[in-house]
């Protein structure tokens, strides 16, 4: 049983206040951050970092994203209850938990087997009904498409065509797009069968998205 003490909740409330002060205005997103025990997604020795608004290394050379960044991407999705979401890059599972708290039907794919298995155990223990897949994020999940929303949680030099084609007409895809040193948060709305509208929303730094599978 994962403990979520009054101390944890107090630290989380301060974190949510910081994220709100940075410009996140969607109360549903803020409430979701408040409900997800971020410390559960990190090693117990790093509790002092769990509720700081910063990214933090996890296993396999990956990171758990900064809470503000998680909130920023989530807000751009304009997610509605019961919408079907594809998350590309499960990582620790933290972002998937936030999406689940918003009532989404979350499908999440991860290329690193170790992270996929860890997320399976943790999200189930926390009671989140998230469908997790071990696979290449560049391929997405075509057999489960189309998706109302797609969220890419690693840096891409351009949005993969394979993922754009898995988005429903009227759907929204959010991804950090650019070179390794800096990316532009990009929102892609599918406006027609082969038509997309792109808008840009600030600069971020993500770990690069890699093709293929890692069986460790």
N, C-alpha and C. Protein backbone atom coordinates (compact mmCIF):
# COMPACT_ATOMS: atom_id res chain seq x y z
N UNK A 1 0.84 -1.20 0.00
CA UNK A 1 0.00 0.00 0.00
C UNK A 1 0.89 1.26 0.00
N UNK A 2 0.65 2.13 -0.95
CA UNK A 2 1.44 3.36 -1.05
C UNK A 2 0.86 4.43 -0.12
N UNK A 3 1.71 4.93 0.76
CA UNK A 3 1.27 5.93 1.73
C UNK A 3 1.12 7.29 1.05
N UNK A 4 0.03 7.97 1.37
CA UNK A 4 -0.17 9.35 0.93
C UNK A 4 -0.58 10.16 2.16
N UNK A 5 0.41 10.60 2.90
CA UNK A 5 0.19 11.21 4.21
C UNK A 5 -0.24 12.67 4.09
N UNK A 6 -0.59 13.25 5.24
CA UNK A 6 -0.93 14.69 5.26
C UNK A 6 0.28 15.52 4.83
N UNK A 7 1.48 15.03 5.15
CA UNK A 7 2.68 15.74 4.71
C UNK A 7 2.78 15.74 3.19
N UNK A 8 2.58 14.57 2.60
CA UNK A 8 2.60 14.48 1.14
C UNK A 8 1.58 15.44 0.52
N UNK A 9 0.38 15.43 1.07
CA UNK A 9 -0.71 16.24 0.51
C UNK A 9 -0.42 17.74 0.68
N UNK A 10 0.20 18.08 1.80
CA UNK A 10 0.57 19.48 2.01
C UNK A 10 1.63 19.95 1.03
N UNK A 11 2.64 19.11 0.81
CA UNK A 11 3.67 19.43 -0.18
C UNK A 11 3.07 19.54 -1.58
N UNK A 12 2.13 18.66 -1.87
CA UNK A 12 1.49 18.66 -3.19
C UNK A 12 0.65 19.93 -3.38
N UNK A 13 0.01 20.37 -2.32
CA UNK A 13 -0.80 21.59 -2.42
C UNK A 13 0.08 22.80 -2.73
N UNK A 14 1.26 22.85 -2.11
CA UNK A 14 2.20 23.95 -2.40
C UNK A 14 2.67 23.88 -3.85
N UNK A 15 2.92 22.66 -4.33
CA UNK A 15 3.34 22.47 -5.72
C UNK A 15 2.26 22.97 -6.68
N UNK A 16 1.03 22.60 -6.41
CA UNK A 16 -0.08 23.03 -7.28
C UNK A 16 -0.19 24.55 -7.28
N UNK A 17 0.01 25.17 -6.13
CA UNK A 17 -0.02 26.64 -6.06
C UNK A 17 1.09 27.24 -6.93
N UNK A 18 2.26 26.62 -6.96
CA UNK A 18 3.37 27.10 -7.80
C UNK A 18 3.02 26.97 -9.28
N UNK A 19 2.44 25.84 -9.64
CA UNK A 19 2.06 25.61 -11.04
C UNK A 19 0.98 26.59 -11.48
N UNK A 20 0.03 26.85 -10.59
CA UNK A 20 -1.00 27.85 -10.90
C UNK A 20 -0.38 29.23 -11.09
N UNK A 21 0.57 29.58 -10.23
CA UNK A 21 1.21 30.90 -10.32
C UNK A 21 2.01 31.07 -11.61
N UNK A 22 2.43 29.96 -12.22
CA UNK A 22 3.18 30.02 -13.48
C UNK A 22 2.26 30.14 -14.70
N UNK A 23 0.95 30.11 -14.46
CA UNK A 23 0.04 30.39 -15.58
C UNK A 23 -0.93 29.29 -15.95
N UNK A 24 -0.90 28.15 -15.27
CA UNK A 24 -1.87 27.10 -15.57
C UNK A 24 -3.22 27.50 -14.98
N UNK A 25 -4.21 27.67 -15.84
CA UNK A 25 -5.50 28.18 -15.38
C UNK A 25 -6.63 27.17 -15.39
N UNK A 26 -6.42 26.00 -15.97
CA UNK A 26 -7.47 24.99 -16.03
C UNK A 26 -7.57 24.29 -14.67
N UNK A 27 -8.64 24.57 -13.95
CA UNK A 27 -8.78 24.04 -12.59
C UNK A 27 -8.85 22.52 -12.59
N UNK A 28 -9.40 21.93 -13.64
CA UNK A 28 -9.48 20.47 -13.71
C UNK A 28 -8.08 19.86 -13.76
N UNK A 29 -7.17 20.50 -14.47
CA UNK A 29 -5.79 20.02 -14.55
C UNK A 29 -5.11 20.17 -13.19
N UNK A 30 -5.31 21.31 -12.55
CA UNK A 30 -4.72 21.53 -11.22
C UNK A 30 -5.25 20.52 -10.21
N UNK A 31 -6.54 20.24 -10.28
CA UNK A 31 -7.13 19.26 -9.36
C UNK A 31 -6.55 17.87 -9.60
N UNK A 32 -6.30 17.53 -10.89
CA UNK A 32 -5.70 16.24 -11.20
C UNK A 32 -4.30 16.13 -10.61
N UNK A 33 -3.51 17.21 -10.75
CA UNK A 33 -2.17 17.21 -10.14
C UNK A 33 -2.25 17.01 -8.63
N UNK A 34 -3.27 17.59 -8.03
CA UNK A 34 -3.43 17.49 -6.58
C UNK A 34 -3.76 16.05 -6.16
N UNK A 35 -4.43 15.32 -7.03
CA UNK A 35 -4.86 13.96 -6.66
C UNK A 35 -3.79 12.90 -6.91
N UNK A 36 -2.83 13.18 -7.77
CA UNK A 36 -1.83 12.16 -8.12
C UNK A 36 -0.64 12.23 -7.16
N UNK A 37 -0.33 11.16 -6.45
CA UNK A 37 0.80 11.16 -5.51
C UNK A 37 2.13 11.03 -6.24
N UNK A 38 2.72 12.15 -6.62
CA UNK A 38 3.93 12.12 -7.45
C UNK A 38 5.07 11.35 -6.78
N UNK A 39 5.11 11.39 -5.45
CA UNK A 39 6.19 10.69 -4.75
C UNK A 39 6.18 9.19 -5.03
N UNK A 40 5.02 8.64 -5.37
CA UNK A 40 4.93 7.21 -5.65
C UNK A 40 5.67 6.82 -6.93
N UNK A 41 5.92 7.80 -7.78
CA UNK A 41 6.57 7.53 -9.07
C UNK A 41 8.09 7.74 -8.99
N UNK A 42 8.59 8.00 -7.79
CA UNK A 42 10.02 8.23 -7.60
C UNK A 42 10.54 7.34 -6.47
N UNK A 43 11.83 7.11 -6.44
CA UNK A 43 12.43 6.33 -5.38
C UNK A 43 12.17 7.01 -4.03
N UNK A 44 11.91 6.21 -3.02
CA UNK A 44 11.56 6.75 -1.70
C UNK A 44 12.65 7.65 -1.13
N UNK A 45 13.88 7.49 -1.59
CA UNK A 45 14.98 8.31 -1.08
C UNK A 45 14.97 9.73 -1.62
N UNK A 46 14.07 10.00 -2.57
CA UNK A 46 14.04 11.31 -3.20
C UNK A 46 12.76 12.09 -2.90
N UNK A 47 12.16 11.81 -1.74
CA UNK A 47 10.92 12.49 -1.38
C UNK A 47 11.07 14.00 -1.41
N UNK A 48 12.24 14.50 -1.00
CA UNK A 48 12.42 15.95 -0.95
C UNK A 48 12.34 16.58 -2.34
N UNK A 49 12.51 15.77 -3.38
CA UNK A 49 12.43 16.28 -4.76
C UNK A 49 11.05 16.05 -5.39
N UNK A 50 10.23 15.18 -4.79
CA UNK A 50 8.98 14.75 -5.43
C UNK A 50 8.03 15.91 -5.66
N UNK A 51 8.05 16.89 -4.76
CA UNK A 51 7.10 17.99 -4.89
C UNK A 51 7.78 19.32 -5.16
N UNK A 52 8.98 19.25 -5.72
CA UNK A 52 9.58 20.44 -6.31
C UNK A 52 9.17 20.48 -7.77
N UNK A 53 8.99 21.69 -8.29
CA UNK A 53 8.55 21.82 -9.68
C UNK A 53 9.75 21.69 -10.61
N UNK A 54 10.24 20.46 -10.73
CA UNK A 54 11.38 20.20 -11.59
C UNK A 54 11.32 18.76 -12.08
N UNK A 55 11.97 18.53 -13.23
CA UNK A 55 12.13 17.16 -13.72
C UNK A 55 13.13 16.44 -12.83
N UNK A 56 13.08 15.11 -12.87
CA UNK A 56 14.01 14.35 -12.04
C UNK A 56 14.33 13.03 -12.72
N UNK A 57 15.60 12.59 -12.67
CA UNK A 57 15.96 11.33 -13.34
C UNK A 57 15.25 10.13 -12.71
N UNK A 58 14.83 9.21 -13.60
CA UNK A 58 14.34 7.91 -13.15
C UNK A 58 15.25 6.86 -13.81
N UNK A 59 14.86 5.64 -13.84
CA UNK A 59 15.73 4.59 -14.40
C UNK A 59 15.79 4.66 -15.92
N UNK A 60 16.73 3.92 -16.48
CA UNK A 60 16.89 3.76 -17.93
C UNK A 60 17.22 5.06 -18.65
N UNK A 61 17.84 6.00 -17.94
CA UNK A 61 18.25 7.25 -18.57
C UNK A 61 17.11 8.19 -18.90
N UNK A 62 15.95 7.97 -18.31
CA UNK A 62 14.78 8.81 -18.59
C UNK A 62 14.51 9.74 -17.40
N UNK A 63 13.50 10.59 -17.55
CA UNK A 63 13.15 11.52 -16.48
C UNK A 63 11.65 11.50 -16.24
N UNK A 64 11.26 11.87 -15.01
CA UNK A 64 9.87 12.19 -14.73
C UNK A 64 9.75 13.69 -14.97
N UNK A 65 8.78 14.08 -15.79
CA UNK A 65 8.70 15.47 -16.24
C UNK A 65 8.40 16.43 -15.10
N UNK A 66 8.80 17.67 -15.31
CA UNK A 66 8.46 18.75 -14.40
C UNK A 66 6.94 18.87 -14.31
N UNK A 67 6.36 18.97 -13.12
CA UNK A 67 4.91 19.07 -13.00
C UNK A 67 4.30 20.20 -13.83
N UNK A 68 4.97 21.36 -13.88
CA UNK A 68 4.46 22.45 -14.72
C UNK A 68 4.36 22.01 -16.17
N UNK A 69 5.35 21.27 -16.66
CA UNK A 69 5.34 20.81 -18.04
C UNK A 69 4.21 19.82 -18.27
N UNK A 70 4.02 18.91 -17.32
CA UNK A 70 2.91 17.96 -17.40
C UNK A 70 1.58 18.72 -17.48
N UNK A 71 1.43 19.71 -16.62
CA UNK A 71 0.20 20.49 -16.61
C UNK A 71 0.04 21.29 -17.91
N UNK A 72 1.13 21.83 -18.42
CA UNK A 72 1.10 22.64 -19.64
C UNK A 72 0.65 21.79 -20.83
N UNK A 73 1.28 20.62 -21.00
CA UNK A 73 0.88 19.75 -22.10
C UNK A 73 -0.57 19.29 -21.94
N UNK A 74 -0.95 18.95 -20.72
CA UNK A 74 -2.31 18.48 -20.47
C UNK A 74 -3.33 19.57 -20.77
N UNK A 75 -3.04 20.79 -20.38
CA UNK A 75 -3.95 21.90 -20.64
C UNK A 75 -4.14 22.11 -22.14
N UNK A 76 -3.06 21.98 -22.91
CA UNK A 76 -3.15 22.17 -24.36
C UNK A 76 -4.02 21.11 -25.03
N UNK A 77 -4.14 19.95 -24.41
CA UNK A 77 -4.98 18.88 -24.98
C UNK A 77 -6.46 19.22 -24.94
N UNK A 78 -6.87 20.11 -24.03
CA UNK A 78 -8.29 20.45 -23.86
C UNK A 78 -9.11 19.15 -23.74
N UNK A 79 -8.68 18.31 -22.84
CA UNK A 79 -9.23 16.97 -22.70
C UNK A 79 -10.63 16.97 -22.10
N UNK A 80 -11.49 16.17 -22.69
CA UNK A 80 -12.85 15.99 -22.18
C UNK A 80 -13.00 14.57 -21.62
N UNK A 81 -13.90 14.43 -20.66
CA UNK A 81 -14.14 13.13 -20.04
C UNK A 81 -14.52 12.09 -21.08
N UNK A 82 -13.97 10.90 -20.92
CA UNK A 82 -14.22 9.71 -21.74
C UNK A 82 -13.54 9.75 -23.11
N UNK A 83 -12.80 10.81 -23.41
CA UNK A 83 -12.08 10.80 -24.68
C UNK A 83 -10.96 9.77 -24.65
N UNK A 84 -10.66 9.21 -25.81
CA UNK A 84 -9.61 8.19 -25.93
C UNK A 84 -8.29 8.88 -26.25
N UNK A 85 -7.30 8.62 -25.41
CA UNK A 85 -6.00 9.29 -25.52
C UNK A 85 -4.89 8.29 -25.76
N UNK A 86 -4.00 8.63 -26.69
CA UNK A 86 -2.76 7.88 -26.86
C UNK A 86 -1.62 8.70 -26.28
N UNK A 87 -0.94 8.14 -25.30
CA UNK A 87 0.28 8.76 -24.77
C UNK A 87 1.47 8.00 -25.33
N UNK A 88 2.38 8.72 -25.95
CA UNK A 88 3.58 8.11 -26.52
C UNK A 88 4.74 8.39 -25.56
N UNK A 89 5.16 7.37 -24.83
CA UNK A 89 6.22 7.51 -23.84
C UNK A 89 5.65 7.44 -22.43
N UNK A 90 5.39 6.23 -21.94
CA UNK A 90 4.81 6.06 -20.61
C UNK A 90 5.75 6.57 -19.52
N UNK A 91 7.05 6.26 -19.67
CA UNK A 91 8.02 6.67 -18.65
C UNK A 91 7.64 6.12 -17.29
N UNK A 92 7.59 6.99 -16.31
CA UNK A 92 7.27 6.59 -14.94
C UNK A 92 5.79 6.24 -14.78
N UNK A 93 4.94 6.76 -15.68
CA UNK A 93 3.50 6.58 -15.55
C UNK A 93 2.79 7.79 -14.96
N UNK A 94 3.56 8.80 -14.56
CA UNK A 94 2.97 9.97 -13.89
C UNK A 94 2.01 10.73 -14.81
N UNK A 95 2.41 10.99 -16.03
CA UNK A 95 1.53 11.72 -16.95
C UNK A 95 0.27 10.91 -17.25
N UNK A 96 0.40 9.61 -17.40
CA UNK A 96 -0.76 8.76 -17.64
C UNK A 96 -1.75 8.84 -16.48
N UNK A 97 -1.22 8.91 -15.26
CA UNK A 97 -2.10 9.03 -14.09
C UNK A 97 -2.86 10.34 -14.10
N UNK A 98 -2.19 11.43 -14.47
CA UNK A 98 -2.85 12.73 -14.56
C UNK A 98 -3.97 12.70 -15.60
N UNK A 99 -3.68 12.12 -16.77
CA UNK A 99 -4.70 12.01 -17.82
C UNK A 99 -5.88 11.17 -17.33
N UNK A 100 -5.58 10.09 -16.62
CA UNK A 100 -6.63 9.23 -16.10
C UNK A 100 -7.51 9.96 -15.09
N UNK A 101 -6.89 10.80 -14.27
CA UNK A 101 -7.64 11.59 -13.29
C UNK A 101 -8.64 12.54 -13.96
N UNK A 102 -8.36 12.90 -15.21
CA UNK A 102 -9.28 13.77 -15.96
C UNK A 102 -10.39 12.99 -16.66
N UNK A 103 -10.42 11.70 -16.42
CA UNK A 103 -11.51 10.89 -16.97
C UNK A 103 -11.26 10.37 -18.37
N UNK A 104 -10.01 10.45 -18.83
CA UNK A 104 -9.69 9.96 -20.17
C UNK A 104 -9.55 8.44 -20.17
N UNK A 105 -9.75 7.86 -21.34
CA UNK A 105 -9.46 6.44 -21.56
C UNK A 105 -8.05 6.39 -22.15
N UNK A 106 -7.10 6.10 -21.29
CA UNK A 106 -5.69 6.28 -21.63
C UNK A 106 -5.09 4.99 -22.18
N UNK A 107 -4.45 5.12 -23.34
CA UNK A 107 -3.61 4.07 -23.92
C UNK A 107 -2.19 4.65 -23.97
N UNK A 108 -1.24 3.95 -23.39
CA UNK A 108 0.11 4.50 -23.31
C UNK A 108 1.12 3.46 -23.79
N UNK A 109 2.05 3.89 -24.64
CA UNK A 109 3.04 2.99 -25.21
C UNK A 109 4.44 3.39 -24.78
N UNK A 110 5.25 2.41 -24.43
CA UNK A 110 6.62 2.64 -23.95
C UNK A 110 7.57 1.67 -24.64
N UNK A 111 8.72 2.17 -25.10
CA UNK A 111 9.68 1.35 -25.84
C UNK A 111 10.70 0.65 -24.93
N UNK A 112 10.81 1.08 -23.68
CA UNK A 112 11.77 0.49 -22.74
C UNK A 112 11.03 -0.51 -21.85
N UNK A 113 11.38 -1.78 -21.98
CA UNK A 113 10.62 -2.83 -21.30
C UNK A 113 10.61 -2.65 -19.78
N UNK A 114 11.74 -2.27 -19.21
CA UNK A 114 11.82 -2.09 -17.75
C UNK A 114 10.81 -1.04 -17.27
N UNK A 115 10.75 0.10 -17.96
CA UNK A 115 9.82 1.15 -17.57
C UNK A 115 8.37 0.70 -17.76
N UNK A 116 8.11 0.01 -18.87
CA UNK A 116 6.76 -0.50 -19.13
C UNK A 116 6.29 -1.39 -17.98
N UNK A 117 7.16 -2.30 -17.55
CA UNK A 117 6.77 -3.22 -16.48
C UNK A 117 6.60 -2.52 -15.15
N UNK A 118 7.48 -1.57 -14.86
CA UNK A 118 7.36 -0.82 -13.60
C UNK A 118 6.05 -0.03 -13.57
N UNK A 119 5.71 0.60 -14.70
CA UNK A 119 4.47 1.38 -14.76
C UNK A 119 3.25 0.48 -14.62
N UNK A 120 3.31 -0.71 -15.20
CA UNK A 120 2.19 -1.65 -15.06
C UNK A 120 1.88 -1.93 -13.59
N UNK A 121 2.93 -2.22 -12.84
CA UNK A 121 2.76 -2.56 -11.42
C UNK A 121 2.25 -1.35 -10.64
N UNK A 122 2.89 -0.20 -10.84
CA UNK A 122 2.58 0.99 -10.04
C UNK A 122 1.18 1.52 -10.33
N UNK A 123 0.83 1.67 -11.59
CA UNK A 123 -0.48 2.24 -11.92
C UNK A 123 -1.61 1.33 -11.44
N UNK A 124 -1.40 0.02 -11.53
CA UNK A 124 -2.40 -0.91 -11.01
C UNK A 124 -2.53 -0.76 -9.50
N UNK A 125 -1.40 -0.65 -8.81
CA UNK A 125 -1.43 -0.50 -7.35
C UNK A 125 -2.14 0.77 -6.92
N UNK A 126 -1.98 1.82 -7.73
CA UNK A 126 -2.63 3.10 -7.43
C UNK A 126 -4.09 3.14 -7.88
N UNK A 127 -4.53 2.11 -8.58
CA UNK A 127 -5.94 2.02 -8.97
C UNK A 127 -6.29 2.68 -10.29
N UNK A 128 -5.29 2.95 -11.12
CA UNK A 128 -5.57 3.59 -12.42
C UNK A 128 -5.80 2.53 -13.49
N UNK A 129 -6.89 2.68 -14.22
CA UNK A 129 -7.23 1.76 -15.30
C UNK A 129 -6.66 2.30 -16.61
N UNK A 130 -5.36 2.11 -16.80
CA UNK A 130 -4.65 2.59 -17.98
C UNK A 130 -4.21 1.39 -18.80
N UNK A 131 -4.44 1.42 -20.10
CA UNK A 131 -3.99 0.35 -20.98
C UNK A 131 -2.56 0.63 -21.42
N UNK A 132 -1.63 -0.22 -20.99
CA UNK A 132 -0.21 -0.01 -21.25
C UNK A 132 0.30 -1.00 -22.29
N UNK A 133 1.16 -0.51 -23.18
CA UNK A 133 1.68 -1.32 -24.27
C UNK A 133 3.19 -1.16 -24.36
N UNK A 134 3.87 -2.27 -24.62
CA UNK A 134 5.30 -2.24 -24.89
C UNK A 134 5.46 -2.20 -26.40
N UNK A 135 5.99 -1.09 -26.92
CA UNK A 135 6.10 -0.96 -28.36
C UNK A 135 6.84 0.29 -28.77
N UNK A 136 7.01 0.45 -30.07
CA UNK A 136 7.70 1.59 -30.66
C UNK A 136 6.73 2.77 -30.76
N UNK A 137 7.06 3.85 -30.06
CA UNK A 137 6.18 5.00 -30.05
C UNK A 137 5.96 5.62 -31.41
N UNK A 138 6.93 5.50 -32.30
CA UNK A 138 6.78 6.07 -33.64
C UNK A 138 5.67 5.37 -34.41
N UNK A 139 5.40 4.11 -34.07
CA UNK A 139 4.32 3.37 -34.73
C UNK A 139 2.97 3.66 -34.12
N UNK A 140 2.97 4.13 -32.86
CA UNK A 140 1.71 4.36 -32.18
C UNK A 140 0.98 3.06 -31.91
N UNK A 141 -0.36 3.12 -31.94
CA UNK A 141 -1.20 1.94 -31.74
C UNK A 141 -2.28 1.92 -32.82
N UNK A 142 -1.91 1.63 -34.07
CA UNK A 142 -2.88 1.73 -35.16
C UNK A 142 -4.11 0.86 -34.99
N UNK A 143 -3.97 -0.28 -34.32
CA UNK A 143 -5.13 -1.17 -34.16
C UNK A 143 -6.15 -0.62 -33.17
N UNK A 144 -5.75 0.40 -32.38
CA UNK A 144 -6.67 1.03 -31.43
C UNK A 144 -7.13 2.42 -31.91
N UNK A 145 -6.61 2.88 -33.02
CA UNK A 145 -6.95 4.19 -33.57
C UNK A 145 -8.38 4.17 -34.13
N UNK A 146 -9.00 5.35 -34.29
CA UNK A 146 -8.41 6.68 -34.06
C UNK A 146 -8.52 7.12 -32.60
N UNK A 147 -7.69 8.11 -32.26
CA UNK A 147 -7.67 8.68 -30.92
C UNK A 147 -8.17 10.12 -30.95
N UNK A 148 -8.88 10.50 -29.89
CA UNK A 148 -9.35 11.89 -29.77
C UNK A 148 -8.20 12.83 -29.45
N UNK A 149 -7.23 12.32 -28.71
CA UNK A 149 -6.07 13.11 -28.31
C UNK A 149 -4.82 12.23 -28.37
N UNK A 150 -3.70 12.84 -28.76
CA UNK A 150 -2.41 12.16 -28.73
C UNK A 150 -1.41 13.08 -28.05
N UNK A 151 -0.67 12.53 -27.09
CA UNK A 151 0.33 13.30 -26.36
C UNK A 151 1.68 12.61 -26.50
N UNK A 152 2.66 13.32 -27.05
CA UNK A 152 4.02 12.81 -27.17
C UNK A 152 4.86 13.42 -26.06
N UNK A 153 5.49 12.58 -25.26
CA UNK A 153 6.19 13.06 -24.06
C UNK A 153 7.71 13.01 -24.21
N UNK A 154 8.19 12.96 -25.44
CA UNK A 154 9.63 13.05 -25.73
C UNK A 154 9.80 13.91 -26.98
N UNK A 155 11.02 14.42 -27.15
CA UNK A 155 11.27 15.37 -28.23
C UNK A 155 11.33 14.68 -29.59
N UNK A 156 10.63 15.24 -30.57
CA UNK A 156 10.69 14.77 -31.95
C UNK A 156 11.13 15.92 -32.85
N UNK A 157 11.88 15.61 -33.90
CA UNK A 157 12.30 16.67 -34.82
C UNK A 157 11.14 17.12 -35.70
N UNK A 158 10.20 16.22 -35.92
CA UNK A 158 8.94 16.56 -36.60
C UNK A 158 7.91 15.55 -36.12
N UNK A 159 6.64 15.91 -36.23
CA UNK A 159 5.59 15.02 -35.76
C UNK A 159 5.47 13.84 -36.72
N UNK A 160 5.62 12.61 -36.24
CA UNK A 160 5.55 11.45 -37.13
C UNK A 160 4.21 11.37 -37.86
N UNK A 161 4.29 11.14 -39.17
CA UNK A 161 3.08 11.04 -39.98
C UNK A 161 2.20 9.89 -39.50
N UNK A 162 2.83 8.81 -39.04
CA UNK A 162 2.06 7.65 -38.56
C UNK A 162 1.16 8.02 -37.39
N UNK A 163 1.61 8.94 -36.53
CA UNK A 163 0.80 9.37 -35.39
C UNK A 163 -0.28 10.36 -35.81
N UNK A 164 0.06 11.26 -36.72
CA UNK A 164 -0.95 12.21 -37.23
C UNK A 164 -2.14 11.47 -37.84
N UNK A 165 -1.84 10.35 -38.51
CA UNK A 165 -2.90 9.60 -39.17
C UNK A 165 -3.78 8.83 -38.18
N UNK A 166 -3.32 8.69 -36.92
CA UNK A 166 -4.11 8.00 -35.91
C UNK A 166 -5.00 8.94 -35.10
N UNK A 167 -4.99 10.21 -35.48
CA UNK A 167 -5.79 11.22 -34.80
C UNK A 167 -7.13 11.38 -35.50
N UNK A 168 -8.20 11.41 -34.74
CA UNK A 168 -9.52 11.61 -35.33
C UNK A 168 -9.66 13.03 -35.88
N UNK A 169 -10.51 13.24 -36.86
CA UNK A 169 -10.78 14.60 -37.36
C UNK A 169 -11.39 15.42 -36.21
N UNK A 170 -10.81 16.57 -35.95
CA UNK A 170 -11.20 17.38 -34.80
C UNK A 170 -10.36 17.10 -33.57
N UNK A 171 -9.51 16.09 -33.66
CA UNK A 171 -8.67 15.71 -32.53
C UNK A 171 -7.44 16.60 -32.39
N UNK A 172 -6.79 16.50 -31.23
CA UNK A 172 -5.64 17.35 -30.91
C UNK A 172 -4.44 16.47 -30.56
N UNK A 173 -3.29 16.79 -31.14
CA UNK A 173 -2.02 16.16 -30.81
C UNK A 173 -1.09 17.24 -30.25
N UNK A 174 -0.40 16.92 -29.16
CA UNK A 174 0.55 17.86 -28.54
C UNK A 174 1.91 17.18 -28.44
N UNK A 175 2.95 17.89 -28.89
CA UNK A 175 4.29 17.32 -28.89
C UNK A 175 5.35 18.40 -28.80
N UNK A 176 6.48 18.12 -28.13
CA UNK A 176 7.64 19.02 -28.16
C UNK A 176 8.44 18.75 -29.44
N UNK A 177 8.52 19.73 -30.31
CA UNK A 177 9.12 19.53 -31.63
C UNK A 177 10.37 20.40 -31.77
N UNK A 178 11.48 19.76 -32.19
CA UNK A 178 12.70 20.53 -32.40
C UNK A 178 13.94 19.69 -32.21
N UNK A 179 15.08 20.35 -32.20
CA UNK A 179 16.37 19.69 -32.03
C UNK A 179 16.58 19.30 -30.57
N UNK A 180 17.71 18.64 -30.31
CA UNK A 180 17.98 18.08 -28.98
C UNK A 180 18.05 19.15 -27.88
N UNK A 181 18.59 20.35 -28.19
CA UNK A 181 18.83 21.34 -27.14
C UNK A 181 17.58 22.08 -26.70
N UNK A 182 16.61 22.25 -27.60
CA UNK A 182 15.37 22.96 -27.25
C UNK A 182 14.27 22.58 -28.22
N UNK A 183 13.05 22.52 -27.71
CA UNK A 183 11.90 22.20 -28.55
C UNK A 183 10.78 23.22 -28.35
N UNK A 184 9.94 23.32 -29.34
CA UNK A 184 8.76 24.19 -29.28
C UNK A 184 7.54 23.30 -29.04
N UNK A 185 6.77 23.60 -27.99
CA UNK A 185 5.57 22.83 -27.74
C UNK A 185 4.57 23.13 -28.86
N UNK A 186 4.18 22.10 -29.58
CA UNK A 186 3.37 22.27 -30.77
C UNK A 186 2.03 21.55 -30.59
N UNK A 187 0.96 22.27 -30.94
CA UNK A 187 -0.37 21.66 -30.93
C UNK A 187 -0.84 21.49 -32.37
N UNK A 188 -1.22 20.28 -32.69
CA UNK A 188 -1.64 19.93 -34.04
C UNK A 188 -3.10 19.49 -33.98
N UNK A 189 -3.97 20.23 -34.65
CA UNK A 189 -5.40 19.89 -34.70
C UNK A 189 -5.71 19.34 -36.09
N UNK A 190 -6.27 18.18 -36.15
CA UNK A 190 -6.65 17.60 -37.45
C UNK A 190 -7.97 18.22 -37.89
N UNK A 191 -7.94 19.02 -38.92
CA UNK A 191 -9.12 19.76 -39.37
C UNK A 191 -9.82 19.10 -40.56
N UNK A 192 -9.19 18.09 -41.15
CA UNK A 192 -9.78 17.39 -42.27
C UNK A 192 -9.06 16.08 -42.49
N UNK A 193 -9.44 15.37 -43.55
CA UNK A 193 -8.86 14.06 -43.80
C UNK A 193 -7.33 14.14 -43.91
N UNK A 194 -6.84 15.13 -44.64
CA UNK A 194 -5.39 15.33 -44.77
C UNK A 194 -5.02 16.79 -44.50
N UNK A 195 -5.67 17.38 -43.49
CA UNK A 195 -5.43 18.78 -43.14
C UNK A 195 -5.20 18.91 -41.65
N UNK A 196 -4.15 19.64 -41.29
CA UNK A 196 -3.80 19.86 -39.90
C UNK A 196 -3.49 21.33 -39.67
N UNK A 197 -3.86 21.82 -38.51
CA UNK A 197 -3.57 23.21 -38.12
C UNK A 197 -2.57 23.18 -36.98
N UNK A 198 -1.43 23.85 -37.17
CA UNK A 198 -0.37 23.84 -36.17
C UNK A 198 -0.30 25.19 -35.45
N UNK A 199 -0.14 25.14 -34.13
CA UNK A 199 0.14 26.35 -33.35
C UNK A 199 1.30 26.04 -32.41
N UNK A 200 2.01 27.08 -31.97
CA UNK A 200 3.22 26.90 -31.17
C UNK A 200 3.07 27.59 -29.82
N UNK A 201 3.61 26.96 -28.78
CA UNK A 201 3.27 27.36 -27.41
C UNK A 201 4.46 27.31 -26.45
N UNK A 202 5.55 27.93 -26.80
CA UNK A 202 6.65 28.05 -25.85
C UNK A 202 7.72 27.00 -26.01
N UNK A 203 8.86 27.25 -25.36
CA UNK A 203 10.06 26.41 -25.51
C UNK A 203 10.27 25.53 -24.28
N UNK A 204 10.67 24.28 -24.56
CA UNK A 204 10.89 23.29 -23.51
C UNK A 204 12.09 22.43 -23.89
N UNK A 205 12.55 21.61 -22.94
CA UNK A 205 13.62 20.66 -23.21
C UNK A 205 13.17 19.28 -22.72
N UNK A 206 13.09 18.33 -23.66
CA UNK A 206 12.71 16.95 -23.37
C UNK A 206 13.83 16.01 -23.80
N UNK A 207 13.85 14.81 -23.24
CA UNK A 207 14.75 13.79 -23.76
C UNK A 207 14.26 13.39 -25.14
N UNK A 208 15.17 13.01 -26.05
CA UNK A 208 14.75 12.68 -27.41
C UNK A 208 13.96 11.38 -27.48
N UNK A 209 13.02 11.35 -28.39
CA UNK A 209 12.25 10.13 -28.65
C UNK A 209 13.04 9.25 -29.60
N UNK A 210 13.19 7.97 -29.21
CA UNK A 210 13.99 7.04 -29.99
C UNK A 210 13.10 5.97 -30.63
N UNK A 211 13.49 5.50 -31.81
CA UNK A 211 12.73 4.43 -32.44
C UNK A 211 13.12 3.06 -31.89
N UNK A 212 12.33 2.07 -32.22
CA UNK A 212 12.68 0.70 -31.84
C UNK A 212 12.35 0.36 -30.40
N UNK A 213 12.82 -0.81 -29.97
CA UNK A 213 12.53 -1.31 -28.63
C UNK A 213 13.83 -1.52 -27.85
N UNK A 214 13.71 -1.39 -26.53
CA UNK A 214 14.83 -1.66 -25.64
C UNK A 214 14.38 -2.73 -24.66
N UNK A 215 14.97 -3.90 -24.78
CA UNK A 215 14.50 -5.07 -24.02
C UNK A 215 15.27 -5.25 -22.72
N UNK A 216 15.39 -4.20 -21.94
CA UNK A 216 16.09 -4.27 -20.65
C UNK A 216 15.25 -3.66 -19.57
